[in-house]
Amino acid sequence: MTKAKDAFNELLSQISLSDREEAIAILYFFFESKLNLTREAIMQNPDIEIAKIEITDVIHRINRHEPIQYITNQAWFRNHFFELNSSVLIPRPETEMIVDYIIQQKLNEGSRVLDVGTGSGCISISIKLEAPQAMVIALDVSNIALEVAIRNANRLNADVEFIQDDFLNSEVSLEPLDYIVSNPPYIMEKERSIMHENVLVYEPALALFVSDNEPLIFYSALATQGKKWLKPFGKIVAEINPLLVKQTVELFELHGYDSVSYFPDLEGKPRMIVASLEKC
């Protein structure tokens, strides 16, 4: 046995990342994910005894800049740990904006929500957990991603319906929806040069990048399918590329959406769009 603070400091000394605060945050995440010891618990009781842990391989992977979420196969999103692997994106805090918006709409038993490109299921499952009365459907092109999402839904007791489908060429027939939500691929290939290496190396490119020639391809599909699937006054709520906010708004307006608004994230960047359709 060893004291938590001693184990923490010993492991911290082995991490070679230049950003010490990042290294500390990574270790706290590891301790909570694998040892069920939160940062607060360690700080309040640093002398708590834990079994001596051997994580040489973990330290090696951290020093190669592999995201700790892929090392532990867990990510934190809206007060829950979600299983994930390299086939799905790591959930970001800004994506919680989508869930916040939907929950604020006061869903009822007749409400129907579709999550396009569900990945780990963090959006669809969170909506279902926080609005259990609503019908929530989640769609993804990747069977591997859907397997992850289904395991997350089962573990968190979220009754979400999952569908495998290529949204860009969808032939799925759905009952009318109140909301379509999505965090689709939206990073242009030319943005690779300004992105962190750990994202480029480890996260799935299929879920991140779009062609520079068709950067709004998924939003065009959302707009088109929304006109087929949404109820009158239904809404599309989607995360967007801040560099393309003007073009994204114009796209939905050209498709006949009556009210198109965008909202900033905590850094003040345009991050989420809401497009409503009075008539379908």
Foldseek 3Di string as FASTA:
>chain_A
DFFQLVLLVVLLVLADDPDSVVSSVLSQVVCCLPVVAHPVNCVVGRRDDDDRDDPPVVSVCVNVVARSCQVSQWADDPRDIAGAHQAADHDDPQLCVLLVVVVVVVDALDAEEEEEACQLVRNQQSNCVSVVSYAYEYEHQDPVSVVSNVVRCVVVVGPYHYDHADLLDDPDDDAAHQEYEYAAAQDEPVCPVVDDPNCVPRHDVRRHYDYPVCRCSVLLSVLVVCLVHHDAFHKYKYWHDLVCVVVSQVSNVVSPFDDKDFDAGPVRGGTMIMTTHRHD
